Every structure is written in structure tokens, then in C-alpha cells.
Protein backbone atom coordinates (compact mmCIF):
# COMPACT_ATOMS: atom_id res chain seq x y z
CA LEU A 1 194.46 161.28 30.73
CA PRO A 2 197.44 162.31 28.62
CA TYR A 3 199.89 160.93 31.22
CA LEU A 4 202.32 158.02 31.04
CA ASP A 5 204.42 156.72 33.92
CA ILE A 6 207.15 154.57 32.39
CA PRO A 7 210.19 153.43 34.43
CA PHE A 8 212.88 153.81 31.75
CA GLN A 9 215.56 153.27 34.44
CA HIS A 10 218.47 154.22 32.13
CA ALA A 11 219.23 155.12 28.53
CA HIS A 12 222.62 153.62 27.71
CA PRO A 13 222.30 150.23 25.97
CA ASP A 14 225.14 148.62 27.95
CA VAL A 15 223.64 149.65 31.29
CA LEU A 16 220.19 148.49 30.18
CA LYS A 17 221.71 145.15 29.17
CA ARG A 18 223.32 144.76 32.60
CA MET A 19 219.93 145.61 34.10
CA LYS A 20 218.37 142.95 31.85
CA ARG A 21 216.08 145.56 30.28
CA PRO A 22 215.03 145.02 26.65
CA ALA A 23 214.80 148.64 25.42
CA SER A 24 217.41 151.13 24.31
CA GLY A 25 217.57 154.87 24.83
CA GLU A 26 217.42 155.52 21.08
CA LYS A 27 214.29 153.41 20.63
CA ASN A 28 212.73 155.12 23.63
CA LEU A 29 213.41 158.55 22.10
CA ASP A 30 211.65 157.39 18.92
CA ARG A 31 208.70 156.12 20.96
CA ILE A 32 208.43 159.38 22.90
CA ALA A 33 208.49 161.40 19.66
CA ALA A 34 205.74 159.20 18.19
CA TRP A 35 203.60 159.50 21.33
CA ARG A 36 203.96 163.27 21.41
CA ALA A 37 203.12 163.51 17.70
CA ILE A 38 199.84 161.77 18.51
CA CYS A 39 199.24 163.63 21.78
CA PRO A 40 201.18 166.93 22.04
CA ASP A 41 199.95 167.51 25.62
CA LEU A 42 201.32 164.17 26.82
CA VAL A 43 203.07 164.30 30.19
CA ILE A 44 205.71 161.64 30.78
CA ARG A 45 206.89 160.65 34.24
CA SER A 46 209.72 158.20 34.76
CA THR A 47 212.22 156.88 37.25
CA PHE A 48 215.90 156.21 36.72
CA ILE A 49 218.83 154.61 38.53
CA ALA A 50 222.24 156.28 38.78
CA GLY A 51 225.37 154.36 39.67
CA PHE A 52 224.26 150.89 38.60
CA PRO A 53 227.25 148.50 38.85
CA GLY A 54 229.69 149.15 36.03
CA GLU A 55 228.15 152.50 35.02
CA THR A 56 230.90 154.68 33.54
CA GLU A 57 230.92 158.46 33.36
CA ASP A 58 230.23 158.20 29.61
CA GLU A 59 227.23 155.95 30.24
CA PHE A 60 225.92 158.35 32.85
CA SER A 61 226.44 161.27 30.44
CA ALA A 62 224.35 159.36 27.88
CA LEU A 63 221.56 159.21 30.48
CA LEU A 64 221.72 162.99 30.97
CA GLN A 65 221.70 163.48 27.18
CA PHE A 66 218.65 161.22 26.93
CA MET A 67 216.87 163.33 29.56
CA GLU A 68 217.57 166.50 27.59
CA GLU A 69 216.39 164.99 24.30
CA ALA A 70 213.36 163.17 25.74
CA GLN A 71 212.11 166.20 27.68
CA ILE A 72 210.71 164.01 30.46
CA ASP A 73 208.18 166.12 32.37
CA ARG A 74 208.53 164.48 35.78
CA ALA A 75 211.50 162.35 36.75
CA GLY A 76 212.87 160.76 39.86
CA CYS A 77 216.26 159.15 40.28
CA PHE A 78 217.54 156.67 42.81
CA ALA A 79 221.18 156.01 43.57
CA TYR A 80 221.74 152.30 43.05
CA SER A 81 221.61 150.43 46.32
CA PRO A 82 222.58 146.78 46.66
CA VAL A 83 219.63 144.57 47.58
CA GLU A 84 220.21 141.29 49.35
CA GLY A 85 220.08 138.41 46.86
CA ALA A 86 220.06 140.61 43.73
CA THR A 87 222.17 139.34 40.83
CA ALA A 88 223.34 142.93 40.20
CA ASN A 89 225.40 142.64 43.39
CA GLU A 90 227.66 140.18 41.55
CA LEU A 91 228.42 142.53 38.64
CA ASP A 92 231.94 143.86 38.19
CA HIS A 93 232.98 147.43 38.91
CA PRO A 94 230.55 148.58 41.59
CA VAL A 95 230.23 152.36 41.65
CA PRO A 96 231.31 153.88 44.99
CA GLU A 97 228.40 155.13 47.10
CA SER A 98 229.63 158.74 47.07
CA LEU A 99 229.75 158.72 43.25
CA ARG A 100 226.29 157.10 43.03
CA GLU A 101 224.89 159.91 45.20
CA GLU A 102 226.77 162.59 43.25
CA ARG A 103 225.35 161.27 39.96
CA ARG A 104 221.86 161.11 41.43
CA SER A 105 222.19 164.75 42.51
CA ARG A 106 223.38 165.82 39.05
CA PHE A 107 220.50 163.94 37.45
CA MET A 108 217.93 165.50 39.79
CA ALA A 109 219.28 169.02 39.17
CA LEU A 110 218.73 168.51 35.43
CA ALA A 111 215.33 166.88 35.98
CA GLU A 112 214.13 169.73 38.20
CA GLU A 113 215.28 172.40 35.75
CA GLN A 114 213.64 170.53 32.89
CA SER A 115 210.39 170.02 34.80
CA SER A 116 210.23 173.73 35.67
CA ARG A 117 210.88 174.69 32.05
CA ARG A 118 208.12 172.35 30.82
CA LEU A 119 205.70 173.74 33.42
CA ARG A 120 206.38 177.32 32.29
CA ARG A 121 204.77 176.41 28.93
CA LEU A 122 201.45 176.36 30.79
CA VAL A 123 201.52 180.00 31.94
CA ASP A 124 198.42 181.81 30.58
CA GLN A 125 196.84 178.47 29.62
CA ARG A 126 193.54 177.15 30.99
CA ILE A 127 193.80 173.78 32.71
CA ARG A 128 191.45 171.42 34.52
CA VAL A 129 192.20 171.10 38.24
CA LEU A 130 190.85 168.60 40.77
CA VAL A 131 190.38 170.41 44.11
CA ASP A 132 191.93 168.41 46.99
CA HIS A 133 191.77 170.98 49.83
CA VAL A 134 189.99 174.31 50.37
CA THR A 135 191.39 176.93 52.75
CA PRO A 136 190.68 180.62 53.42
CA GLU A 137 193.78 181.30 51.30
CA GLY A 138 192.35 179.43 48.31
CA GLY A 139 192.92 175.79 47.71
CA ILE A 140 195.24 172.99 46.71
CA GLY A 141 194.61 170.71 43.79
CA ARG A 142 196.26 168.80 41.01
CA SER A 143 196.14 168.67 37.28
CA ALA A 144 195.99 165.55 35.12
CA ALA A 145 199.80 165.68 35.11
CA ASP A 146 200.24 165.46 38.89
CA ALA A 147 200.41 162.15 40.72
CA PRO A 148 199.25 162.61 44.34
CA GLU A 149 202.07 162.93 46.89
CA ILE A 150 204.71 162.50 44.16
CA ASP A 151 204.52 165.44 41.78
CA GLY A 152 203.92 169.12 42.36
CA ILE A 153 200.67 170.70 43.42
CA VAL A 154 198.36 173.31 41.96
CA LYS A 155 197.89 176.26 44.31
CA ILE A 156 194.48 177.81 43.71
CA LEU A 157 194.17 181.49 44.59
CA PRO A 158 191.07 182.54 46.51
CA PRO A 159 188.19 183.33 44.15
CA SER A 160 187.74 187.00 43.32
CA LYS A 161 183.95 186.55 43.18
CA PRO A 162 181.76 184.57 45.59
CA SER A 163 180.14 182.90 42.57
CA LYS A 164 183.47 181.23 41.75
CA ARG A 165 183.77 179.19 44.95
CA PHE A 166 185.01 175.63 44.66
CA ARG A 167 184.64 172.46 46.71
CA VAL A 168 186.82 169.45 47.51
CA GLY A 169 186.41 166.80 44.83
CA GLU A 170 185.27 169.29 42.22
CA PHE A 171 186.98 169.85 38.88
CA VAL A 172 187.52 173.52 38.04
CA ARG A 173 188.88 175.32 34.99
CA ALA A 174 191.72 177.61 35.99
CA THR A 175 194.23 179.91 34.34
CA VAL A 176 197.90 179.28 35.13
CA LEU A 177 199.42 182.53 36.41
CA GLU A 178 202.92 181.36 37.29
CA THR A 179 205.09 178.45 38.33
CA GLN A 180 207.00 177.90 41.57
CA GLY A 181 209.44 175.02 41.15
CA HIS A 182 207.26 171.95 40.52
CA ASP A 183 204.03 173.78 41.44
CA LEU A 184 201.52 175.85 39.48
CA ILE A 185 199.72 178.95 40.76
CA VAL A 186 196.25 179.26 39.22
CA GLU A 187 193.18 181.45 39.33
CA VAL A 188 189.64 180.13 38.87
């Protein structure tokens, strides 16, 4: 499947160093570009942390800039939360909880807009869908880019012809008609 789930966690080198992560945002952008050159249909999912101890507004802005440049397809963000016994609890300059949540919200607004924009590229394209549920109103499934219970769903319209019926567990070829937030609306 052309799908990678990589927990980048942040993009600013100083924050990554405090997190004891070996990568840098710039190197990750180069990696993403190389992967997409090899596989243009690649979908990248990742998770990030906002408000890690010591994170400045400039460091957070670098994370948002990374998101825009990387064009991450699916992203989640957690506001940093102290965990009992974690060495990060001892770092200087903890970010106030309200600011951690505000940054998480800003990140998620960007991530949702970006995800919707990337999904819109699929309109009028044919995709492969795994059927998860069948109802009188059609069905629910997922594409290769959708992790169950995490990402969006594929809403399958009822077949226009009886010969185009589908069953749970079956893969079907479908045309993307439109997007609704993180979801796709398709016709078999």
C-alpha cells in the first residue's frame, strides 16, 4: 500500500533535540520529497506534539511551516501532557496548558484544511475501496489511505444497477464524486 505512518512529532531541530529525536524537519522534508518522487500516490499520516516544554512561538511556527511544505495527508496533534516519571517534566520553561491546547487547535485547523485539500485531488478519480458495511443507503468502506477508526471513511452510494451490488469484505472500484471533510463520497 502506498501509505506511511511516521510519528514525526515536531519539525524544529531544537524541539526535536529536547525530545531526544534524531531527525530534523529539513531532512524529513527531503525524505518526503524523495518518497513522493518514487511514489506520487503516497499518503503520509503522522502525529505531532504541540507545547512540548520550552517550545517557543517561533518553534511552533516552524512546525506549521513544515506541515504546509510537507503536505502531510493525515495528521493528528496532541497537546503535551506531563507523564509521571518522564524526563521531559524536568525541562525548563513548561508551556502553560491553555497555550498547549491553543497551539494544538491551531495545528489541527491547518491539518484538517490540508487533508481536505489533498482529498479533493481525488474527485473524478477511480479508487479501490474495501467495503466495511452495507446498508440500504449504500455502504461504508475505506481506501488504502484510511486507517480504520482513525481516518475518514468512504461513503458508497447505493448502486444504480442491481448488477453492481457489493458485499462486506469485498474490494470495489469506485469513482470519487465529492469530499466531505475527511470523507469521500463514491459511486461504484
